[in-house]
């Protein structure tokens, strides 16, 4: 009768974890127990980062819109208020893209919003 060797499943699981921690510093990349600990932490950071990305992009868009507004003699808050009262429904992502890539159209939009408000 031969003995039952149970290493394959464990070995496969360990390899999968260590593959994910490739590039980490020190024992975090090649010791299973440490690797598991930092892998869980990396998943937490990734989850948080996915939430923060939305906040960061919104801040970037607002900064870009404000810079373009100031070139056109107004401010971000005045433009947003004017767009609202003029009934122009454009989100900040679109406005920022327009300010960056199509300055003439953005200038026209600012003029339209301020004259309607």
C-alpha atoms as a PDB file:
ATOM      1  CA  UNK A   1       0.000   0.000   0.000  1.00  0.00           C
ATOM      2  CA  UNK A   2       1.325   3.422  -0.930  1.00  0.00           C
ATOM      3  CA  UNK A   3       0.981   6.586   1.082  1.00  0.00           C
ATOM      4  CA  UNK A   4      -1.180   9.526   0.004  1.00  0.00           C
ATOM      5  CA  UNK A   5       0.880  12.595  -0.870  1.00  0.00           C
ATOM      6  CA  UNK A   6      -1.062  15.826  -0.450  1.00  0.00           C
ATOM      7  CA  UNK A   7       1.455  18.390  -1.725  1.00  0.00           C
ATOM      8  CA  UNK A   8       0.115  19.194  -5.183  1.00  0.00           C
ATOM      9  CA  UNK A   9      -2.894  21.293  -4.175  1.00  0.00           C
ATOM     10  CA  UNK A  10      -0.909  23.210  -1.571  1.00  0.00           C
ATOM     11  CA  UNK A  11       1.967  23.700  -3.985  1.00  0.00           C
ATOM     12  CA  UNK A  12      -0.416  25.012  -6.652  1.00  0.00           C
ATOM     13  CA  UNK A  13      -2.030  27.437  -4.179  1.00  0.00           C
ATOM     14  CA  UNK A  14       1.343  28.686  -2.951  1.00  0.00           C
ATOM     15  CA  UNK A  15       2.580  29.191  -6.511  1.00  0.00           C
ATOM     16  CA  UNK A  16      -0.530  31.213  -7.363  1.00  0.00           C
ATOM     17  CA  UNK A  17      -0.008  33.508  -4.366  1.00  0.00           C
ATOM     18  CA  UNK A  18       3.724  33.924  -4.961  1.00  0.00           C
ATOM     19  CA  UNK A  19       3.085  34.726  -8.629  1.00  0.00           C
ATOM     20  CA  UNK A  20       0.891  37.642  -7.511  1.00  0.00           C
ATOM     21  CA  UNK A  21       3.550  38.997  -5.135  1.00  0.00           C
ATOM     22  CA  UNK A  22       6.274  38.983  -7.790  1.00  0.00           C
ATOM     23  CA  UNK A  23       8.255  42.201  -7.587  1.00  0.00           C
ATOM     24  CA  UNK A  24       7.526  42.813  -3.898  1.00  0.00           C
ATOM     25  CA  UNK A  25      10.489  43.569  -1.604  1.00  0.00           C
ATOM     26  CA  UNK A  26      12.302  41.020   0.541  1.00  0.00           C
ATOM     27  CA  UNK A  27      10.538  38.017   2.012  1.00  0.00           C
ATOM     28  CA  UNK A  28       7.183  39.425   0.952  1.00  0.00           C
ATOM     29  CA  UNK A  29       7.771  37.948  -2.483  1.00  0.00           C
ATOM     30  CA  UNK A  30       8.993  34.440  -1.593  1.00  0.00           C
ATOM     31  CA  UNK A  31       7.635  33.460   1.827  1.00  0.00           C
ATOM     32  CA  UNK A  32       4.094  32.207   1.593  1.00  0.00           C
ATOM     33  CA  UNK A  33       2.819  33.427   4.965  1.00  0.00           C
ATOM     34  CA  UNK A  34       4.249  36.912   4.499  1.00  0.00           C
ATOM     35  CA  UNK A  35       3.130  36.965   0.882  1.00  0.00           C
ATOM     36  CA  UNK A  36      -0.457  36.158   1.897  1.00  0.00           C
ATOM     37  CA  UNK A  37      -0.458  38.995   4.425  1.00  0.00           C
ATOM     38  CA  UNK A  38       0.785  41.613   1.945  1.00  0.00           C
ATOM     39  CA  UNK A  39      -1.400  40.265  -0.853  1.00  0.00           C
ATOM     40  CA  UNK A  40      -4.527  40.810   1.254  1.00  0.00           C
ATOM     41  CA  UNK A  41      -3.275  44.297   2.085  1.00  0.00           C
ATOM     42  CA  UNK A  42      -2.644  45.010  -1.603  1.00  0.00           C
ATOM     43  CA  UNK A  43      -6.232  44.007  -2.354  1.00  0.00           C
ATOM     44  CA  UNK A  44      -7.403  46.485   0.293  1.00  0.00           C
ATOM     45  CA  UNK A  45      -5.287  49.245  -1.242  1.00  0.00           C
ATOM     46  CA  UNK A  46      -6.602  48.377  -4.699  1.00  0.00           C
ATOM     47  CA  UNK A  47     -10.214  48.531  -3.485  1.00  0.00           C
ATOM     48  CA  UNK A  48      -9.620  51.912  -1.840  1.00  0.00           C
ATOM     49  CA  UNK A  49      -7.755  53.145  -4.915  1.00  0.00           C
ATOM     50  CA  UNK A  50     -10.700  52.323  -7.165  1.00  0.00           C
ATOM     51  CA  UNK A  51     -12.877  54.572  -5.006  1.00  0.00           C
ATOM     52  CA  UNK A  52     -10.285  57.358  -4.794  1.00  0.00           C
ATOM     53  CA  UNK A  53      -9.703  57.366  -8.564  1.00  0.00           C
ATOM     54  CA  UNK A  54     -13.172  58.840  -9.105  1.00  0.00           C
ATOM     55  CA  UNK A  55     -12.445  61.629  -6.617  1.00  0.00           C
ATOM     56  CA  UNK A  56      -9.035  62.344  -8.137  1.00  0.00           C
ATOM     57  CA  UNK A  57     -10.365  62.576 -11.683  1.00  0.00           C
ATOM     58  CA  UNK A  58     -13.177  64.916 -10.653  1.00  0.00           C
ATOM     59  CA  UNK A  59     -10.619  67.211  -8.978  1.00  0.00           C
ATOM     60  CA  UNK A  60      -8.458  67.118 -12.122  1.00  0.00           C
ATOM     61  CA  UNK A  61     -11.417  67.995 -14.346  1.00  0.00           C
ATOM     62  CA  UNK A  62     -12.401  70.890 -12.103  1.00  0.00           C
ATOM     63  CA  UNK A  63      -8.824  72.227 -12.149  1.00  0.00           C
ATOM     64  CA  UNK A  64      -8.705  72.069 -15.947  1.00  0.00           C
ATOM     65  CA  UNK A  65     -12.107  73.745 -16.327  1.00  0.00           C
ATOM     66  CA  UNK A  66     -11.120  76.488 -13.897  1.00  0.00           C
ATOM     67  CA  UNK A  67      -7.868  77.167 -15.766  1.00  0.00           C
ATOM     68  CA  UNK A  68      -9.743  77.443 -19.067  1.00  0.00           C
ATOM     69  CA  UNK A  69     -12.406  79.641 -17.455  1.00  0.00           C
ATOM     70  CA  UNK A  70      -9.815  82.077 -16.169  1.00  0.00           C
ATOM     71  CA  UNK A  71      -8.378  82.384 -19.676  1.00  0.00           C
ATOM     72  CA  UNK A  72     -11.879  83.409 -20.754  1.00  0.00           C
ATOM     73  CA  UNK A  73     -12.308  85.980 -17.967  1.00  0.00           C
ATOM     74  CA  UNK A  74     -14.543  84.046 -15.575  1.00  0.00           C
ATOM     75  CA  UNK A  75     -14.204  81.469 -12.800  1.00  0.00           C
ATOM     76  CA  UNK A  76     -15.221  77.857 -12.445  1.00  0.00           C
ATOM     77  CA  UNK A  77     -18.033  78.533  -9.977  1.00  0.00           C
ATOM     78  CA  UNK A  78     -19.505  81.309 -12.109  1.00  0.00           C
ATOM     79  CA  UNK A  79     -19.401  79.094 -15.202  1.00  0.00           C
ATOM     80  CA  UNK A  80     -21.113  76.159 -13.476  1.00  0.00           C
ATOM     81  CA  UNK A  81     -23.814  78.490 -12.120  1.00  0.00           C
ATOM     82  CA  UNK A  82     -24.281  80.058 -15.567  1.00  0.00           C
ATOM     83  CA  UNK A  83     -24.499  76.635 -17.253  1.00  0.00           C
ATOM     84  CA  UNK A  84     -27.140  75.566 -14.762  1.00  0.00           C
ATOM     85  CA  UNK A  85     -29.280  78.669 -15.245  1.00  0.00           C
ATOM     86  CA  UNK A  86     -28.852  78.442 -19.042  1.00  0.00           C
ATOM     87  CA  UNK A  87     -30.079  74.848 -18.948  1.00  0.00           C
ATOM     88  CA  UNK A  88     -26.891  73.408 -20.480  1.00  0.00           C
ATOM     89  CA  UNK A  89     -26.320  69.962 -19.042  1.00  0.00           C
ATOM     90  CA  UNK A  90     -22.693  69.011 -19.623  1.00  0.00           C
ATOM     91  CA  UNK A  91     -20.732  66.974 -17.113  1.00  0.00           C
ATOM     92  CA  UNK A  92     -17.313  67.992 -15.841  1.00  0.00           C
ATOM     93  CA  UNK A  93     -15.526  65.267 -17.788  1.00  0.00           C
ATOM     94  CA  UNK A  94     -16.893  66.604 -21.078  1.00  0.00           C
ATOM     95  CA  UNK A  95     -16.200  70.218 -20.125  1.00  0.00           C
ATOM     96  CA  UNK A  96     -12.601  69.395 -19.171  1.00  0.00           C
ATOM     97  CA  UNK A  97     -12.056  67.520 -22.427  1.00  0.00           C
ATOM     98  CA  UNK A  98     -13.503  70.435 -24.375  1.00  0.00           C
ATOM     99  CA  UNK A  99     -11.320  72.922 -22.475  1.00  0.00           C
ATOM    100  CA  UNK A 100      -8.209  70.874 -23.215  1.00  0.00           C
ATOM    101  CA  UNK A 101      -8.793  69.781 -26.818  1.00  0.00           C
ATOM    102  CA  UNK A 102     -11.227  72.323 -28.299  1.00  0.00           C
ATOM    103  CA  UNK A 103     -10.542  75.749 -26.805  1.00  0.00           C
ATOM    104  CA  UNK A 104     -12.607  77.596 -29.431  1.00  0.00           C
ATOM    105  CA  UNK A 105     -15.740  75.594 -28.641  1.00  0.00           C
ATOM    106  CA  UNK A 106     -15.150  76.076 -24.909  1.00  0.00           C
ATOM    107  CA  UNK A 107     -14.839  79.836 -25.397  1.00  0.00           C
ATOM    108  CA  UNK A 108     -18.103  79.797 -27.363  1.00  0.00           C
ATOM    109  CA  UNK A 109     -19.765  77.778 -24.586  1.00  0.00           C
ATOM    110  CA  UNK A 110     -18.584  80.228 -21.924  1.00  0.00           C
ATOM    111  CA  UNK A 111     -19.990  83.133 -23.967  1.00  0.00           C
ATOM    112  CA  UNK A 112     -23.291  81.334 -24.466  1.00  0.00           C
ATOM    113  CA  UNK A 113     -23.635  80.460 -20.780  1.00  0.00           C
ATOM    114  CA  UNK A 114     -22.746  83.915 -19.484  1.00  0.00           C
ATOM    115  CA  UNK A 115     -25.091  85.676 -21.934  1.00  0.00           C
ATOM    116  CA  UNK A 116     -27.969  83.364 -21.009  1.00  0.00           C
ATOM    117  CA  UNK A 117     -27.420  83.753 -17.263  1.00  0.00           C
END
